[in-house]
Amino acid sequence: MNELKLGMIGCGVHAKANIFSTLHMLGYQMQAVCARHRERALEAAERFDIPNAYGSYQEMLDKEELDVAFVITEASSQAEIVKECLKKGLHVFVEKPLGMNKQEAQEVAELAKIVQQKVMVGFMKRFSPSYQNLKQIMNNRDEFGTPLSFMGMFAITSGRPGWDNNVYTKVGGIHYVDLMRDLFGELQDIHGYTNSIDVEVDNVFTMRFDSGVIGSMFFGGIPAWKRHWEEICVTGTKGFVKVDNMMSVRYHFDRPVETIGARWKTLDEADVVLSPVNTSSSGGWRDLYLNGYVGELEHFFDCIRNDKTPVCDAEDNVKTMALCDEIVGCLKGN
């Protein structure tokens, strides 16, 4: 697999901090990188020991004999770039969102099916150990019971240019949109309200999924939440499980206890808390694992190696974009 010829389209902060670094850690060498401004591509090439740098992705695709393209660019441009890569016969890993609505996502999915190339969208939360633990716990029917409901929130820095309800949902909140689909299935019904003003986003919506699970979600991009914060708590008939910021998983099962007298006289309610080891010996790699970047790229390369379909491929992405459209469309203001 390390013989694959990899090209990177885009070298912004996210690409360099997370995708380049994860590829380097996993032992994959990039063959070429491009950016709209060639000097930025040259800087990334020198930093990550990449042989070739370009100021145009079309030039890179024409001159390089690549097997895989990584598309990490502005959200609105990614769908068209992915199409060009697919027409060149490349497998593609693309950062979310792939398309800015269901129709754009569908066009890419149809092309990927025709050319029979792998497309994986970077929904890394599916690969975060915290959410994987949550999913395993809530699917433990013997002890957790039947999942009934959830409460969640996703808040990220406010005031970004152009980040109205639509863009916020499809560029930021989409991580939790996709996560809800992964945990609970497809949407059955949705209602929502908004107090957003321009780029100050404040949205609440309630949903019922085809699994029968009901829940509420808060999306925030207002000054109160300049720090990033995300959490979700799932309640079952016999237990609950909660994740805070991908750094803590707390769960409780209602197990029979033997006490003398009233239970409030004793300490017999037990929660289990899972958290990562905090150590400098990780060398800075810890966050790449805990955020899911390592897991998603390992999965992508495994799908290429063994000719499997990525769990979040172009076709699955259509359903996530459709749910984003439903969320934006359901919001009612004052």
Protein backbone atom coordinates (compact mmCIF):
# COMPACT_ATOMS: atom_id res chain seq x y z
CA MET A 1 0.00 0.00 0.00
CA ASN A 2 2.92 2.36 0.58
CA GLU A 3 3.60 2.08 -3.17
CA LEU A 4 0.42 4.02 -3.93
CA LYS A 5 1.06 7.34 -5.63
CA LEU A 6 -0.73 9.99 -3.58
CA GLY A 7 -1.55 13.58 -4.49
CA MET A 8 -2.89 16.27 -2.16
CA ILE A 9 -5.16 19.04 -3.41
CA GLY A 10 -5.15 21.78 -0.79
CA CYS A 11 -2.69 22.54 1.98
CA GLY A 12 -4.53 24.72 4.47
CA VAL A 13 -4.41 24.51 8.26
CA HIS A 14 -6.61 21.40 8.53
CA ALA A 15 -4.78 19.55 5.77
CA LYS A 16 -1.34 20.20 7.25
CA ALA A 17 -2.26 19.72 10.90
CA ASN A 18 -4.35 16.58 10.52
CA ILE A 19 -4.28 14.87 7.11
CA PHE A 20 -0.62 15.39 6.15
CA SER A 21 0.43 14.51 9.69
CA THR A 22 -1.68 11.34 9.83
CA LEU A 23 -0.38 10.14 6.46
CA HIS A 24 3.17 10.75 7.64
CA MET A 25 2.54 8.87 10.88
CA LEU A 26 1.05 5.92 8.96
CA GLY A 27 4.08 5.81 6.67
CA TYR A 28 2.49 7.06 3.44
CA GLN A 29 4.60 9.33 1.23
CA MET A 30 2.91 12.02 -0.88
CA GLN A 31 4.09 12.33 -4.47
CA ALA A 32 2.63 15.75 -5.20
CA VAL A 33 0.76 18.63 -3.59
CA CYS A 34 -1.03 21.62 -5.04
CA ALA A 35 -2.63 24.82 -3.81
CA ARG A 36 -4.18 27.88 -5.46
CA HIS A 37 -0.99 29.76 -4.56
CA ARG A 38 2.05 27.72 -5.56
CA GLU A 39 4.23 29.20 -2.82
CA ARG A 40 1.97 27.54 -0.23
CA ALA A 41 2.31 24.23 -2.05
CA LEU A 42 6.09 24.66 -2.12
CA GLU A 43 6.10 25.36 1.61
CA ALA A 44 4.09 22.22 2.33
CA ALA A 45 6.28 20.18 -0.03
CA GLU A 46 9.43 21.24 1.83
CA ARG A 47 7.88 20.63 5.24
CA PHE A 48 6.58 17.14 4.43
CA ASP A 49 9.30 16.07 1.96
CA ILE A 50 6.96 15.93 -1.04
CA PRO A 51 8.78 15.81 -4.42
CA ASN A 52 6.45 17.93 -6.56
CA ALA A 53 4.39 21.10 -5.95
CA TYR A 54 1.84 22.80 -8.21
CA GLY A 55 -0.30 25.92 -8.27
CA SER A 56 -3.14 24.18 -10.12
CA TYR A 57 -4.81 20.87 -9.42
CA GLN A 58 -5.52 20.43 -13.15
CA GLU A 59 -1.80 20.68 -13.86
CA MET A 60 -1.02 18.18 -11.11
CA LEU A 61 -3.61 15.70 -12.41
CA ASP A 62 -2.26 16.05 -15.97
CA LYS A 63 1.44 15.69 -15.11
CA GLU A 64 1.42 13.17 -12.26
CA GLU A 65 0.53 9.48 -12.57
CA LEU A 66 -1.45 9.20 -9.34
CA ASP A 67 -3.50 6.43 -7.77
CA VAL A 68 -5.20 8.44 -5.01
CA ALA A 69 -6.17 12.08 -4.57
CA PHE A 70 -6.87 13.82 -1.27
CA VAL A 71 -9.19 16.80 -1.72
CA ILE A 72 -9.02 19.24 1.20
CA THR A 73 -10.18 22.58 -0.23
CA GLU A 74 -12.95 25.12 0.24
CA ALA A 75 -16.28 23.39 0.78
CA SER A 76 -17.99 24.86 -2.28
CA SER A 77 -15.25 23.67 -4.67
CA GLN A 78 -14.79 20.08 -3.53
CA ALA A 79 -17.54 18.37 -5.54
CA GLU A 80 -16.21 19.60 -8.89
CA ILE A 81 -12.62 18.74 -8.00
CA VAL A 82 -13.64 15.22 -6.93
CA LYS A 83 -15.39 14.75 -10.28
CA GLU A 84 -12.18 15.69 -12.12
CA CYS A 85 -10.19 13.23 -10.03
CA LEU A 86 -12.69 10.44 -10.69
CA LYS A 87 -12.56 11.09 -14.43
CA LYS A 88 -8.79 10.60 -14.18
CA GLY A 89 -9.39 7.16 -12.65
CA LEU A 90 -8.28 8.05 -9.11
CA HIS A 91 -9.57 6.90 -5.75
CA VAL A 92 -10.53 9.95 -3.69
CA PHE A 93 -10.53 10.89 -0.04
CA VAL A 94 -12.40 14.18 0.37
CA GLU A 95 -13.02 16.32 3.39
CA LYS A 96 -16.63 17.05 4.27
CA PRO A 97 -18.83 18.34 2.78
CA LEU A 98 -18.89 16.58 -0.56
CA GLY A 99 -21.37 18.88 -2.29
CA MET A 100 -23.36 21.65 -0.66
CA ASN A 101 -26.72 19.91 -1.07
CA LYS A 102 -28.24 16.54 -1.91
CA GLN A 103 -28.24 17.16 -5.66
CA GLU A 104 -24.52 17.95 -5.84
CA ALA A 105 -23.74 14.94 -3.65
CA GLN A 106 -25.87 12.73 -5.91
CA GLU A 107 -23.97 13.82 -9.03
CA VAL A 108 -20.67 12.73 -7.50
CA ALA A 109 -22.12 9.44 -6.28
CA GLU A 110 -23.43 8.60 -9.75
CA LEU A 111 -20.07 9.34 -11.37
CA ALA A 112 -18.19 7.29 -8.76
CA LYS A 113 -20.47 4.35 -9.54
CA ILE A 114 -19.83 4.67 -13.28
CA VAL A 115 -16.03 4.84 -13.02
CA GLN A 116 -15.98 2.31 -10.13
CA GLN A 117 -13.48 4.24 -8.01
CA LYS A 118 -13.47 4.55 -4.21
CA VAL A 119 -14.70 7.81 -2.71
CA MET A 120 -14.56 8.34 1.03
CA VAL A 121 -15.82 11.44 2.83
CA GLY A 122 -13.90 12.53 5.93
CA PHE A 123 -16.53 11.98 8.61
CA MET A 124 -13.85 11.20 11.18
CA LYS A 125 -16.19 11.15 14.18
CA ARG A 126 -17.36 7.70 13.09
CA PHE A 127 -13.78 6.61 13.79
CA SER A 128 -13.26 8.44 17.09
CA PRO A 129 -12.73 5.90 19.92
CA SER A 130 -15.23 7.81 22.09
CA TYR A 131 -18.12 7.51 19.65
CA GLN A 132 -17.18 3.96 18.75
CA ASN A 133 -17.39 3.13 22.46
CA LEU A 134 -20.74 4.91 22.72
CA LYS A 135 -22.10 2.91 19.79
CA GLN A 136 -20.88 -0.37 21.26
CA ILE A 137 -22.38 0.41 24.68
CA MET A 138 -25.79 1.49 23.34
CA ASN A 139 -25.94 -1.65 21.19
CA ASN A 140 -25.40 -3.86 24.25
CA ARG A 141 -29.09 -4.71 24.49
CA ASP A 142 -28.68 -7.03 27.49
CA GLU A 143 -27.40 -4.26 29.79
CA PHE A 144 -28.33 -1.00 28.00
CA GLY A 145 -31.76 -2.09 26.88
CA THR A 146 -33.51 -0.47 23.93
CA PRO A 147 -32.16 2.96 22.90
CA LEU A 148 -34.95 5.48 23.40
CA SER A 149 -33.72 9.05 23.12
CA PHE A 150 -30.74 11.40 23.01
CA MET A 151 -29.72 14.98 23.75
CA GLY A 152 -26.77 16.61 22.03
CA MET A 153 -24.99 19.81 21.12
CA PHE A 154 -22.33 20.95 18.70
CA ALA A 155 -20.86 24.43 19.16
CA ILE A 156 -17.97 25.95 17.28
CA THR A 157 -16.40 29.38 16.84
CA SER A 158 -18.90 32.02 15.76
CA GLY A 159 -18.68 34.87 13.30
CA ARG A 160 -17.03 33.07 10.37
CA PRO A 161 -17.70 34.90 7.06
CA GLY A 162 -20.64 33.35 5.27
CA TRP A 163 -21.46 30.86 8.01
CA ASP A 164 -25.21 31.30 8.12
CA ASN A 165 -27.57 28.47 9.10
CA ASN A 166 -27.02 26.67 5.80
CA VAL A 167 -23.23 26.84 5.69
CA TYR A 168 -22.84 26.22 9.42
CA THR A 169 -24.90 23.04 9.17
CA LYS A 170 -23.12 21.73 6.06
CA VAL A 171 -19.54 22.69 6.93
CA GLY A 172 -19.44 22.53 10.74
CA GLY A 173 -22.47 20.79 12.19
CA ILE A 174 -22.41 18.15 9.44
CA HIS A 175 -20.06 16.08 11.62
CA TYR A 176 -22.86 15.57 14.11
CA VAL A 177 -25.46 15.20 11.35
CA ASP A 178 -23.51 12.25 9.98
CA LEU A 179 -22.88 10.88 13.46
CA MET A 180 -26.62 10.87 14.22
CA ARG A 181 -27.23 8.84 11.07
CA ASP A 182 -24.49 6.41 12.03
CA LEU A 183 -25.93 5.94 15.53
CA PHE A 184 -29.69 6.06 14.95
CA GLY A 185 -30.39 5.35 11.28
CA GLU A 186 -32.37 7.43 8.80
CA LEU A 187 -34.63 10.36 9.61
CA GLN A 188 -38.37 9.94 9.90
CA ASP A 189 -39.50 13.37 11.14
CA ILE A 190 -37.95 16.70 12.14
CA HIS A 191 -38.99 20.07 13.62
CA GLY A 192 -36.72 23.02 14.39
CA TYR A 193 -36.41 26.61 15.53
CA THR A 194 -33.78 29.28 15.02
CA ASN A 195 -32.70 32.49 16.74
CA SER A 196 -29.83 32.97 14.30
CA ILE A 197 -28.88 36.45 13.09
CA ASP A 198 -26.59 36.47 10.05
CA VAL A 199 -23.50 34.46 11.05
CA GLU A 200 -24.46 34.14 14.71
CA VAL A 201 -26.05 30.69 14.63
CA ASP A 202 -28.44 29.44 17.30
CA ASN A 203 -30.56 26.46 16.25
CA VAL A 204 -32.50 23.73 18.06
CA PHE A 205 -34.23 20.82 16.36
CA THR A 206 -35.96 17.61 17.40
CA MET A 207 -36.02 14.39 15.41
CA ARG A 208 -37.47 10.92 15.22
CA PHE A 209 -35.46 8.26 13.42
CA ASP A 210 -36.70 5.11 11.75
CA SER A 211 -35.11 3.13 14.59
CA GLY A 212 -37.70 4.71 16.91
CA VAL A 213 -35.09 6.85 18.70
CA ILE A 214 -36.13 10.45 19.38
CA GLY A 215 -33.80 13.29 20.23
CA SER A 216 -32.93 16.97 20.32
CA MET A 217 -29.82 18.77 19.05
CA PHE A 218 -28.40 22.27 19.56
CA PHE A 219 -26.15 23.83 16.92
CA GLY A 220 -24.41 26.98 18.10
CA GLY A 221 -22.04 29.48 16.55
CA ILE A 222 -22.42 32.49 18.85
CA PRO A 223 -19.95 34.43 21.05
CA ALA A 224 -20.96 32.36 24.08
CA TRP A 225 -19.30 29.35 22.41
CA LYS A 226 -16.01 30.66 21.06
CA ARG A 227 -14.49 27.42 22.35
CA HIS A 228 -15.42 24.24 20.56
CA TRP A 229 -17.75 21.98 22.51
CA GLU A 230 -19.66 18.83 21.58
CA GLU A 231 -21.57 16.30 23.62
CA ILE A 232 -24.24 13.65 23.25
CA CYS A 233 -26.11 11.54 25.80
CA VAL A 234 -28.12 8.49 24.74
CA THR A 235 -30.74 6.98 27.06
CA GLY A 236 -31.88 3.37 26.91
CA THR A 237 -34.45 1.44 28.93
CA LYS A 238 -31.76 0.19 31.32
CA GLY A 239 -28.86 2.61 31.00
CA PHE A 240 -27.36 5.79 29.57
CA VAL A 241 -24.08 6.70 27.87
CA LYS A 242 -22.61 10.20 27.42
CA VAL A 243 -19.64 11.54 25.47
CA ASP A 244 -18.05 14.92 26.21
CA ASN A 245 -15.71 16.42 23.62
CA MET A 246 -14.45 12.99 22.53
CA MET A 247 -12.35 12.89 25.70
CA SER A 248 -14.74 11.24 28.14
CA VAL A 249 -17.28 8.42 27.91
CA ARG A 250 -19.55 7.93 30.93
CA TYR A 251 -22.08 5.13 31.09
CA HIS A 252 -24.42 3.60 33.63
CA PHE A 253 -26.38 0.35 33.70
CA ASP A 254 -29.27 -0.21 36.10
CA ARG A 255 -28.02 -3.31 37.88
CA PRO A 256 -29.69 -4.92 40.92
CA VAL A 257 -27.97 -4.11 44.23
CA GLU A 258 -28.29 -5.49 47.72
CA THR A 259 -28.61 -2.86 50.42
CA ILE A 260 -29.89 -2.79 53.97
CA GLY A 261 -32.61 -0.17 54.29
CA ALA A 262 -33.16 2.71 51.89
CA ARG A 263 -30.70 3.02 49.00
CA TRP A 264 -30.11 6.70 49.71
CA LYS A 265 -28.23 5.64 52.84
CA THR A 266 -25.53 3.95 50.76
CA LEU A 267 -23.21 4.53 47.81
CA ASP A 268 -24.35 1.88 45.38
CA GLU A 269 -25.00 3.79 42.15
CA ALA A 270 -22.06 3.00 39.86
CA ASP A 271 -21.00 4.85 36.71
CA VAL A 272 -18.07 3.85 34.51
CA VAL A 273 -15.91 6.65 33.09
CA LEU A 274 -13.54 6.02 30.18
CA SER A 275 -10.87 8.60 29.35
CA PRO A 276 -7.53 8.65 27.51
CA VAL A 277 -4.14 8.68 29.19
CA ASN A 278 -2.72 12.20 29.32
CA THR A 279 0.97 11.85 28.52
CA SER A 280 3.66 13.71 26.61
CA SER A 281 5.01 10.38 25.31
CA SER A 282 2.40 10.47 22.51
CA GLY A 283 4.57 13.04 20.80
CA GLY A 284 1.48 14.97 19.76
CA TRP A 285 -0.09 12.02 17.92
CA ARG A 286 -2.78 11.43 20.57
CA ASP A 287 -5.31 13.88 19.14
CA LEU A 288 -5.01 12.34 15.68
CA TYR A 289 -6.21 9.05 17.17
CA LEU A 290 -8.86 10.46 19.51
CA ASN A 291 -10.39 12.71 16.85
CA GLY A 292 -10.65 9.80 14.43
CA TYR A 293 -8.18 10.93 11.74
CA VAL A 294 -6.03 7.82 12.05
CA GLY A 295 -9.04 5.52 12.00
CA GLU A 296 -10.62 7.10 8.94
CA LEU A 297 -7.45 6.93 6.84
CA GLU A 298 -6.69 3.38 7.95
CA HIS A 299 -10.22 2.47 6.85
CA PHE A 300 -9.80 4.25 3.50
CA PHE A 301 -6.58 2.43 2.64
CA ASP A 302 -8.03 -0.87 3.83
CA CYS A 303 -10.94 -0.39 1.41
CA ILE A 304 -8.51 0.21 -1.47
CA ARG A 305 -6.35 -2.74 -0.47
CA ASN A 306 -9.22 -5.21 -0.09
CA ASP A 307 -11.66 -3.72 -2.62
CA LYS A 308 -14.29 -2.82 -0.02
CA THR A 309 -16.79 0.03 0.07
CA PRO A 310 -15.99 2.79 2.60
CA VAL A 311 -18.67 3.15 5.28
CA CYS A 312 -19.00 6.83 4.38
CA ASP A 313 -18.70 6.65 0.61
CA ALA A 314 -20.20 8.99 -1.98
CA GLU A 315 -23.54 7.18 -1.99
CA ASP A 316 -23.85 7.24 1.80
CA ASN A 317 -22.88 10.92 1.74
CA VAL A 318 -26.02 11.68 -0.28
CA LYS A 319 -28.11 10.66 2.77
CA THR A 320 -26.06 12.87 5.09
CA MET A 321 -26.45 15.87 2.76
CA ALA A 322 -30.18 15.15 2.49
CA LEU A 323 -30.44 15.26 6.29
CA CYS A 324 -28.52 18.57 6.31
CA ASP A 325 -31.06 19.94 3.83
CA GLU A 326 -33.89 18.71 6.07
CA ILE A 327 -32.39 20.42 9.11
CA VAL A 328 -31.92 23.76 7.38
CA GLY A 329 -35.36 23.55 5.83
CA CYS A 330 -37.18 22.81 9.09
CA LEU A 331 -35.85 25.83 11.01
CA LYS A 332 -38.52 28.40 11.94
CA GLY A 333 -37.63 31.88 13.15
CA ASN A 334 -39.55 34.46 15.16
